[in-house]
């Protein structure tokens, strides 16, 4: 126990496993005497606060540095993602343009109006062949051929 605590009359009233026990009344008296007698209380308080402020400023500086590093990393990743998105967007645009140009070439080569007519003729021919096949099954095709000759 320090000498200045004894000088002020602050003495433990007991002790347990966690340390000394103090009387509440003695502690109140000690605090009142310490503040009112101006035994450099303000100076000691100012020094303690100054040390605490230095610690807080140091902690804040460390946190600011860490945040700055994280922010720089985030900015770097954002820049990389933007560049990748631009590449993908450009590639999609190029592919769409090439697909459009290819469709125009196919349309010019195929001439869809003629193609539609050919499809209609082929459908009619398929129906005719089916009818002929049916006539041949029943034996009527041979009679028709003889009649035409």
N, C-alpha and C. Protein backbone atom coordinates (compact mmCIF):
# COMPACT_ATOMS: atom_id res chain seq x y z
N UNK A 1 0.86 -1.18 0.00
CA UNK A 1 0.00 0.00 0.00
C UNK A 1 0.89 1.23 0.00
N UNK A 2 0.55 2.22 -0.84
CA UNK A 2 1.43 3.38 -0.98
C UNK A 2 1.29 4.32 0.21
N UNK A 3 2.31 5.11 0.40
CA UNK A 3 2.37 6.02 1.55
C UNK A 3 1.32 7.12 1.44
N UNK A 4 1.06 7.61 0.25
CA UNK A 4 0.12 8.73 0.15
C UNK A 4 -1.29 8.30 0.51
N UNK A 5 -1.65 7.01 0.30
CA UNK A 5 -2.97 6.54 0.71
C UNK A 5 -3.06 6.53 2.24
N UNK A 6 -1.96 6.15 2.91
CA UNK A 6 -1.97 6.14 4.37
C UNK A 6 -2.04 7.57 4.90
N UNK A 7 -1.34 8.50 4.24
CA UNK A 7 -1.35 9.89 4.68
C UNK A 7 -2.75 10.48 4.60
N UNK A 8 -3.51 10.05 3.64
CA UNK A 8 -4.86 10.59 3.47
C UNK A 8 -5.86 9.85 4.36
N UNK A 9 -5.44 8.81 5.03
CA UNK A 9 -6.32 8.09 5.94
C UNK A 9 -7.08 6.96 5.28
N UNK A 10 -6.68 6.53 4.13
CA UNK A 10 -7.38 5.43 3.44
C UNK A 10 -6.67 4.13 3.78
N UNK A 11 -7.37 3.29 4.59
CA UNK A 11 -6.79 2.02 5.01
C UNK A 11 -7.79 0.92 4.69
N UNK A 12 -7.29 -0.24 4.28
CA UNK A 12 -8.21 -1.35 4.00
C UNK A 12 -8.85 -1.84 5.29
N UNK A 13 -10.09 -2.31 5.14
CA UNK A 13 -10.81 -2.86 6.30
C UNK A 13 -10.76 -4.37 6.29
N UNK A 14 -10.23 -4.95 5.23
CA UNK A 14 -10.12 -6.39 5.14
C UNK A 14 -9.51 -6.79 3.82
N UNK A 15 -9.45 -8.11 3.63
CA UNK A 15 -8.87 -8.62 2.39
C UNK A 15 -9.56 -9.96 2.06
N UNK A 16 -9.78 -10.18 0.76
CA UNK A 16 -10.32 -11.47 0.32
C UNK A 16 -9.49 -11.97 -0.85
N UNK A 17 -10.00 -12.96 -1.60
CA UNK A 17 -9.22 -13.56 -2.69
C UNK A 17 -8.99 -12.60 -3.85
N UNK A 18 -9.79 -11.55 -3.93
CA UNK A 18 -9.64 -10.58 -5.03
C UNK A 18 -8.81 -9.37 -4.64
N UNK A 19 -8.49 -9.23 -3.39
CA UNK A 19 -7.66 -8.11 -2.96
C UNK A 19 -8.23 -7.44 -1.72
N UNK A 20 -7.79 -6.16 -1.51
CA UNK A 20 -8.22 -5.42 -0.33
C UNK A 20 -9.68 -5.01 -0.42
N UNK A 21 -10.30 -4.86 0.79
CA UNK A 21 -11.66 -4.33 0.89
C UNK A 21 -11.55 -2.97 1.54
N UNK A 22 -12.37 -2.02 1.03
CA UNK A 22 -12.31 -0.65 1.52
C UNK A 22 -13.68 -0.25 2.06
N UNK A 23 -13.68 0.58 3.03
CA UNK A 23 -14.93 1.11 3.58
C UNK A 23 -15.45 2.17 2.62
N UNK A 24 -16.76 2.10 2.33
CA UNK A 24 -17.36 3.07 1.41
C UNK A 24 -17.20 4.48 1.96
N UNK A 25 -17.42 4.66 3.24
CA UNK A 25 -17.31 5.99 3.87
C UNK A 25 -15.87 6.50 3.77
N UNK A 26 -14.88 5.60 4.02
CA UNK A 26 -13.47 6.01 3.92
C UNK A 26 -13.12 6.44 2.49
N UNK A 27 -13.63 5.71 1.50
CA UNK A 27 -13.36 6.06 0.10
C UNK A 27 -13.97 7.41 -0.23
N UNK A 28 -15.22 7.66 0.22
CA UNK A 28 -15.86 8.96 -0.04
C UNK A 28 -15.05 10.09 0.61
N UNK A 29 -14.64 9.87 1.82
CA UNK A 29 -13.85 10.90 2.53
C UNK A 29 -12.53 11.15 1.81
N UNK A 30 -11.89 10.07 1.36
CA UNK A 30 -10.63 10.19 0.63
C UNK A 30 -10.81 11.02 -0.65
N UNK A 31 -11.86 10.73 -1.40
CA UNK A 31 -12.09 11.44 -2.67
C UNK A 31 -12.36 12.91 -2.39
N UNK A 32 -13.19 13.21 -1.39
CA UNK A 32 -13.50 14.61 -1.06
C UNK A 32 -12.22 15.33 -0.64
N UNK A 33 -11.42 14.71 0.21
CA UNK A 33 -10.16 15.33 0.65
C UNK A 33 -9.21 15.53 -0.53
N UNK A 34 -9.14 14.54 -1.40
CA UNK A 34 -8.22 14.60 -2.55
C UNK A 34 -8.58 15.75 -3.47
N UNK A 35 -9.88 15.92 -3.74
CA UNK A 35 -10.31 16.97 -4.66
C UNK A 35 -10.21 18.34 -4.00
N UNK A 36 -10.60 18.44 -2.76
CA UNK A 36 -10.70 19.76 -2.12
C UNK A 36 -9.36 20.30 -1.63
N UNK A 37 -8.40 19.48 -1.30
CA UNK A 37 -7.13 19.98 -0.75
C UNK A 37 -6.14 20.38 -1.82
N UNK A 38 -6.51 20.21 -3.08
CA UNK A 38 -5.67 20.55 -4.25
C UNK A 38 -4.26 20.00 -4.13
N UNK A 39 -4.17 18.73 -3.74
CA UNK A 39 -2.87 18.05 -3.71
C UNK A 39 -2.51 17.59 -5.12
N UNK A 40 -2.40 18.52 -6.00
CA UNK A 40 -2.06 18.27 -7.39
C UNK A 40 -3.06 17.31 -8.07
N UNK A 41 -4.29 17.30 -7.59
CA UNK A 41 -5.31 16.43 -8.17
C UNK A 41 -5.55 16.79 -9.63
N UNK A 42 -5.66 18.11 -9.89
CA UNK A 42 -5.91 18.53 -11.25
C UNK A 42 -4.74 18.17 -12.17
N UNK A 43 -3.52 18.32 -11.66
CA UNK A 43 -2.34 17.99 -12.48
C UNK A 43 -2.29 16.49 -12.78
N UNK A 44 -2.53 15.69 -11.74
CA UNK A 44 -2.52 14.24 -11.94
C UNK A 44 -3.62 13.84 -12.91
N UNK A 45 -4.80 14.44 -12.77
CA UNK A 45 -5.92 14.13 -13.67
C UNK A 45 -5.57 14.51 -15.10
N UNK A 46 -4.96 15.70 -15.25
CA UNK A 46 -4.59 16.15 -16.60
C UNK A 46 -3.58 15.21 -17.23
N UNK A 47 -2.60 14.74 -16.47
CA UNK A 47 -1.59 13.82 -16.99
C UNK A 47 -2.25 12.50 -17.39
N UNK A 48 -3.18 12.00 -16.54
CA UNK A 48 -3.87 10.75 -16.86
C UNK A 48 -4.71 10.91 -18.11
N UNK A 49 -5.43 12.04 -18.20
CA UNK A 49 -6.27 12.27 -19.38
C UNK A 49 -5.40 12.41 -20.62
N UNK A 50 -4.27 13.10 -20.49
CA UNK A 50 -3.36 13.28 -21.63
C UNK A 50 -2.86 11.93 -22.13
N UNK A 51 -2.49 11.05 -21.21
CA UNK A 51 -2.04 9.71 -21.60
C UNK A 51 -3.17 8.93 -22.27
N UNK A 52 -4.36 9.05 -21.71
CA UNK A 52 -5.51 8.35 -22.31
C UNK A 52 -5.80 8.88 -23.70
N UNK A 53 -5.69 10.19 -23.87
CA UNK A 53 -5.93 10.79 -25.19
C UNK A 53 -4.89 10.30 -26.19
N UNK A 54 -3.64 10.21 -25.76
CA UNK A 54 -2.60 9.71 -26.66
C UNK A 54 -2.92 8.28 -27.10
N UNK A 55 -3.36 7.44 -26.17
CA UNK A 55 -3.71 6.06 -26.51
C UNK A 55 -4.87 6.02 -27.50
N UNK A 56 -5.88 6.85 -27.24
CA UNK A 56 -7.05 6.87 -28.12
C UNK A 56 -6.65 7.35 -29.52
N UNK A 57 -5.83 8.39 -29.59
CA UNK A 57 -5.39 8.92 -30.88
C UNK A 57 -4.60 7.84 -31.63
N UNK A 58 -3.75 7.11 -30.92
CA UNK A 58 -2.97 6.05 -31.56
C UNK A 58 -3.88 4.94 -32.09
N UNK A 59 -4.89 4.57 -31.30
CA UNK A 59 -5.84 3.54 -31.74
C UNK A 59 -6.60 4.02 -32.97
N UNK A 60 -7.05 5.28 -32.94
CA UNK A 60 -7.79 5.83 -34.08
C UNK A 60 -6.92 5.90 -35.32
N UNK A 61 -5.65 6.26 -35.15
CA UNK A 61 -4.74 6.29 -36.30
C UNK A 61 -4.58 4.89 -36.90
N UNK A 62 -4.45 3.88 -36.05
CA UNK A 62 -4.34 2.51 -36.55
C UNK A 62 -5.60 2.08 -37.29
N UNK A 63 -6.75 2.41 -36.71
CA UNK A 63 -8.01 2.05 -37.35
C UNK A 63 -8.14 2.78 -38.69
N UNK A 64 -7.75 4.04 -38.72
CA UNK A 64 -7.81 4.82 -39.97
C UNK A 64 -6.91 4.21 -41.03
N UNK A 65 -5.71 3.78 -40.62
CA UNK A 65 -4.80 3.14 -41.58
C UNK A 65 -5.39 1.83 -42.12
N UNK A 66 -5.96 1.03 -41.24
CA UNK A 66 -6.57 -0.23 -41.68
C UNK A 66 -7.74 0.03 -42.61
N UNK A 67 -8.55 1.02 -42.28
CA UNK A 67 -9.70 1.37 -43.13
C UNK A 67 -9.22 1.86 -44.49
N UNK A 68 -8.15 2.65 -44.49
CA UNK A 68 -7.61 3.15 -45.75
C UNK A 68 -7.12 2.00 -46.64
N UNK A 69 -6.44 1.02 -46.04
CA UNK A 69 -5.97 -0.14 -46.80
C UNK A 69 -7.16 -0.90 -47.38
N UNK A 70 -8.19 -1.12 -46.55
CA UNK A 70 -9.38 -1.84 -47.03
C UNK A 70 -10.08 -1.07 -48.14
N UNK A 71 -10.15 0.23 -48.00
CA UNK A 71 -10.79 1.06 -49.02
C UNK A 71 -9.99 1.01 -50.33
N UNK A 72 -8.66 1.04 -50.24
CA UNK A 72 -7.83 0.93 -51.44
C UNK A 72 -8.03 -0.42 -52.13
N UNK A 73 -8.10 -1.50 -51.33
CA UNK A 73 -8.36 -2.83 -51.91
C UNK A 73 -9.70 -2.87 -52.60
N UNK A 74 -10.71 -2.28 -51.97
CA UNK A 74 -12.05 -2.25 -52.56
C UNK A 74 -12.03 -1.47 -53.87
N UNK A 75 -11.34 -0.36 -53.90
CA UNK A 75 -11.26 0.45 -55.12
C UNK A 75 -10.56 -0.33 -56.24
N UNK A 76 -9.49 -1.06 -55.90
CA UNK A 76 -8.77 -1.86 -56.88
C UNK A 76 -9.68 -2.94 -57.46
N UNK A 77 -10.43 -3.61 -56.59
CA UNK A 77 -11.34 -4.66 -57.07
C UNK A 77 -12.46 -4.06 -57.92
N UNK A 78 -12.96 -2.90 -57.53
CA UNK A 78 -14.01 -2.24 -58.31
C UNK A 78 -13.50 -1.92 -59.71
N UNK A 79 -12.29 -1.41 -59.81
CA UNK A 79 -11.70 -1.08 -61.10
C UNK A 79 -11.56 -2.33 -61.97
N UNK A 80 -11.10 -3.43 -61.35
CA UNK A 80 -10.94 -4.68 -62.10
C UNK A 80 -12.29 -5.20 -62.58
N UNK A 81 -13.30 -5.12 -61.74
CA UNK A 81 -14.64 -5.60 -62.12
C UNK A 81 -15.21 -4.73 -63.24
N UNK A 82 -15.02 -3.42 -63.15
CA UNK A 82 -15.50 -2.53 -64.21
C UNK A 82 -14.84 -2.90 -65.55
N UNK A 83 -13.54 -3.15 -65.53
CA UNK A 83 -12.84 -3.50 -66.77
C UNK A 83 -13.37 -4.81 -67.34
N UNK A 84 -13.61 -5.78 -66.46
CA UNK A 84 -14.15 -7.07 -66.92
C UNK A 84 -15.55 -6.89 -67.49
N UNK A 85 -16.37 -6.10 -66.83
CA UNK A 85 -17.74 -5.86 -67.31
C UNK A 85 -17.71 -5.19 -68.69
N UNK A 86 -16.80 -4.26 -68.88
CA UNK A 86 -16.69 -3.60 -70.18
C UNK A 86 -16.31 -4.61 -71.27
N UNK A 87 -15.37 -5.51 -70.94
CA UNK A 87 -14.98 -6.53 -71.92
C UNK A 87 -16.15 -7.43 -72.27
N UNK A 88 -16.88 -7.88 -71.26
CA UNK A 88 -18.01 -8.78 -71.49
C UNK A 88 -19.09 -8.06 -72.30
N UNK A 89 -19.38 -6.82 -71.94
CA UNK A 89 -20.39 -6.04 -72.66
C UNK A 89 -20.00 -5.86 -74.12
N UNK A 90 -18.72 -5.55 -74.36
CA UNK A 90 -18.23 -5.39 -75.72
C UNK A 90 -18.34 -6.70 -76.50
N UNK A 91 -18.00 -7.79 -75.86
CA UNK A 91 -18.08 -9.10 -76.50
C UNK A 91 -19.52 -9.44 -76.86
N UNK A 92 -20.45 -9.17 -75.95
CA UNK A 92 -21.87 -9.44 -76.22
C UNK A 92 -22.36 -8.59 -77.39
N UNK A 93 -21.97 -7.31 -77.39
CA UNK A 93 -22.37 -6.42 -78.50
C UNK A 93 -21.83 -6.92 -79.83
N UNK A 94 -20.55 -7.32 -79.84
CA UNK A 94 -19.94 -7.83 -81.07
C UNK A 94 -20.65 -9.09 -81.55
N UNK A 95 -20.95 -9.99 -80.62
CA UNK A 95 -21.63 -11.23 -80.99
C UNK A 95 -23.02 -10.95 -81.54
N UNK A 96 -23.73 -10.01 -80.93
CA UNK A 96 -25.08 -9.67 -81.42
C UNK A 96 -24.99 -9.08 -82.83
N UNK A 97 -24.00 -8.22 -83.07
CA UNK A 97 -23.83 -7.64 -84.40
C UNK A 97 -23.50 -8.72 -85.43
N UNK A 98 -22.60 -9.63 -85.07
CA UNK A 98 -22.24 -10.71 -86.01
C UNK A 98 -23.44 -11.61 -86.29
N UNK A 99 -24.23 -11.91 -85.28
CA UNK A 99 -25.41 -12.73 -85.47
C UNK A 99 -26.41 -12.03 -86.40
N UNK A 100 -26.60 -10.74 -86.19
CA UNK A 100 -27.50 -9.98 -87.06
C UNK A 100 -27.02 -9.99 -88.51
N UNK A 101 -25.71 -9.76 -88.68
CA UNK A 101 -25.15 -9.77 -90.05
C UNK A 101 -25.30 -11.15 -90.68
N UNK A 102 -25.09 -12.20 -89.90
CA UNK A 102 -25.24 -13.56 -90.42
C UNK A 102 -26.67 -13.85 -90.85
N UNK A 103 -27.63 -13.40 -90.05
CA UNK A 103 -29.04 -13.60 -90.41
C UNK A 103 -29.40 -12.85 -91.69
N UNK A 104 -28.86 -11.66 -91.86
CA UNK A 104 -29.12 -10.90 -93.09
C UNK A 104 -28.56 -11.66 -94.29
N UNK A 105 -27.36 -12.23 -94.17
CA UNK A 105 -26.76 -13.00 -95.27
C UNK A 105 -27.59 -14.24 -95.59
N UNK A 106 -28.05 -14.94 -94.54
CA UNK A 106 -28.87 -16.14 -94.76
C UNK A 106 -30.17 -15.76 -95.46
N UNK A 107 -30.76 -14.67 -95.02
CA UNK A 107 -32.02 -14.22 -95.63
C UNK A 107 -31.82 -13.88 -97.11
N UNK A 108 -30.71 -13.23 -97.44
CA UNK A 108 -30.45 -12.88 -98.84
C UNK A 108 -30.24 -14.15 -99.67
N UNK A 109 -29.50 -15.12 -99.12
CA UNK A 109 -29.21 -16.34 -99.86
C UNK A 109 -30.44 -17.23 -100.00
N UNK A 110 -31.26 -17.29 -98.98
CA UNK A 110 -32.37 -18.24 -98.99
C UNK A 110 -33.57 -17.73 -99.77
N UNK A 111 -33.76 -16.48 -99.89
CA UNK A 111 -34.93 -15.89 -100.55
C UNK A 111 -36.20 -16.58 -100.01
N UNK A 112 -36.65 -16.16 -98.87
CA UNK A 112 -37.73 -16.81 -98.14
C UNK A 112 -39.04 -16.91 -98.93
N UNK A 113 -39.27 -16.00 -99.87
CA UNK A 113 -40.49 -16.10 -100.69
C UNK A 113 -40.46 -17.37 -101.54
N UNK A 114 -39.30 -17.63 -102.19
CA UNK A 114 -39.18 -18.85 -103.00
C UNK A 114 -39.23 -20.09 -102.11
N UNK A 115 -38.59 -19.99 -100.95
CA UNK A 115 -38.55 -21.11 -100.03
C UNK A 115 -39.96 -21.49 -99.58
N UNK A 116 -40.79 -20.52 -99.35
CA UNK A 116 -42.17 -20.77 -98.94
C UNK A 116 -42.93 -21.50 -100.05
N UNK A 117 -42.72 -21.06 -101.28
CA UNK A 117 -43.38 -21.73 -102.42
C UNK A 117 -42.90 -23.17 -102.55
N UNK A 118 -41.57 -23.40 -102.40
CA UNK A 118 -41.04 -24.75 -102.50
C UNK A 118 -41.63 -25.65 -101.42
N UNK A 119 -41.76 -25.15 -100.24
CA UNK A 119 -42.33 -25.93 -99.14
C UNK A 119 -43.77 -26.31 -99.47
N UNK A 120 -44.54 -25.38 -99.99
CA UNK A 120 -45.94 -25.67 -100.36
C UNK A 120 -45.99 -26.74 -101.44
N UNK A 121 -45.11 -26.63 -102.46
CA UNK A 121 -45.08 -27.65 -103.54
C UNK A 121 -44.69 -29.02 -102.99
N UNK A 122 -43.70 -29.03 -102.08
CA UNK A 122 -43.28 -30.30 -101.50
C UNK A 122 -44.39 -30.93 -100.67
N UNK A 123 -45.15 -30.12 -99.97
CA UNK A 123 -46.27 -30.65 -99.20
C UNK A 123 -47.32 -31.26 -100.13
N UNK A 124 -47.62 -30.58 -101.23
CA UNK A 124 -48.59 -31.11 -102.20
C UNK A 124 -48.08 -32.41 -102.82
N UNK A 125 -46.78 -32.47 -103.12
CA UNK A 125 -46.20 -33.68 -103.71
C UNK A 125 -46.27 -34.83 -102.71
N UNK A 126 -46.03 -34.56 -101.44
CA UNK A 126 -46.09 -35.61 -100.42
C UNK A 126 -47.50 -36.16 -100.31
N UNK A 127 -48.50 -35.29 -100.38
CA UNK A 127 -49.90 -35.73 -100.32
C UNK A 127 -50.23 -36.59 -101.56
N UNK A 128 -49.73 -36.19 -102.70
CA UNK A 128 -49.98 -36.94 -103.93
C UNK A 128 -49.34 -38.32 -103.85
N UNK A 129 -48.11 -38.40 -103.36
CA UNK A 129 -47.43 -39.70 -103.24
C UNK A 129 -48.16 -40.60 -102.24
N UNK A 130 -48.68 -40.01 -101.19
CA UNK A 130 -49.44 -40.80 -100.22
C UNK A 130 -50.70 -41.39 -100.89
N UNK A 131 -51.36 -40.53 -101.67
CA UNK A 131 -52.56 -41.01 -102.38
C UNK A 131 -52.21 -42.13 -103.36
N UNK A 132 -51.11 -41.99 -104.12
CA UNK A 132 -50.67 -43.03 -105.04
C UNK A 132 -50.34 -44.32 -104.31
N UNK A 133 -49.69 -44.20 -103.16
CA UNK A 133 -49.34 -45.39 -102.37
C UNK A 133 -50.60 -46.11 -101.90
N UNK A 134 -51.60 -45.34 -101.53
CA UNK A 134 -52.87 -45.93 -101.10
C UNK A 134 -53.56 -46.64 -102.27
N UNK A 135 -53.56 -46.01 -103.45
CA UNK A 135 -54.15 -46.63 -104.63
C UNK A 135 -53.42 -47.91 -105.02
N UNK A 136 -52.08 -47.91 -104.85
CA UNK A 136 -51.32 -49.10 -105.20
C UNK A 136 -51.64 -50.24 -104.24
N UNK A 137 -51.83 -49.95 -102.95
CA UNK A 137 -52.18 -50.98 -101.97
C UNK A 137 -53.49 -51.66 -102.34
N UNK A 138 -54.43 -50.84 -102.74
CA UNK A 138 -55.75 -51.40 -103.05
C UNK A 138 -55.80 -52.02 -104.46
N UNK A 139 -54.76 -51.82 -105.29
CA UNK A 139 -54.72 -52.39 -106.63
C UNK A 139 -55.38 -51.51 -107.67
N UNK A 140 -55.84 -50.37 -107.29
CA UNK A 140 -56.51 -49.48 -108.23
C UNK A 140 -55.53 -48.72 -109.11
N UNK A 141 -54.29 -48.54 -108.68
CA UNK A 141 -53.30 -47.80 -109.44
C UNK A 141 -53.03 -48.51 -110.76
N UNK A 142 -52.92 -49.79 -110.74
CA UNK A 142 -52.63 -50.55 -111.97
C UNK A 142 -53.80 -50.42 -112.95
N UNK A 143 -55.03 -50.44 -112.45
CA UNK A 143 -56.22 -50.31 -113.34
C UNK A 143 -56.25 -48.92 -113.96
N UNK A 144 -55.89 -47.91 -113.19
CA UNK A 144 -55.88 -46.54 -113.70
C UNK A 144 -54.82 -46.40 -114.79
N UNK A 145 -53.64 -46.99 -114.57
CA UNK A 145 -52.54 -46.92 -115.54
C UNK A 145 -52.94 -47.62 -116.84
N UNK A 146 -53.60 -48.75 -116.74
CA UNK A 146 -54.07 -49.44 -117.95
C UNK A 146 -55.13 -48.62 -118.69
N UNK A 147 -55.96 -47.97 -117.96
CA UNK A 147 -57.02 -47.18 -118.56
C UNK A 147 -56.43 -45.98 -119.28
N UNK A 148 -55.38 -45.43 -118.79
CA UNK A 148 -54.77 -44.25 -119.43
C UNK A 148 -54.04 -44.65 -120.69
N UNK A 149 -53.50 -45.83 -120.79
CA UNK A 149 -52.76 -46.27 -121.98
C UNK A 149 -53.72 -46.52 -123.05
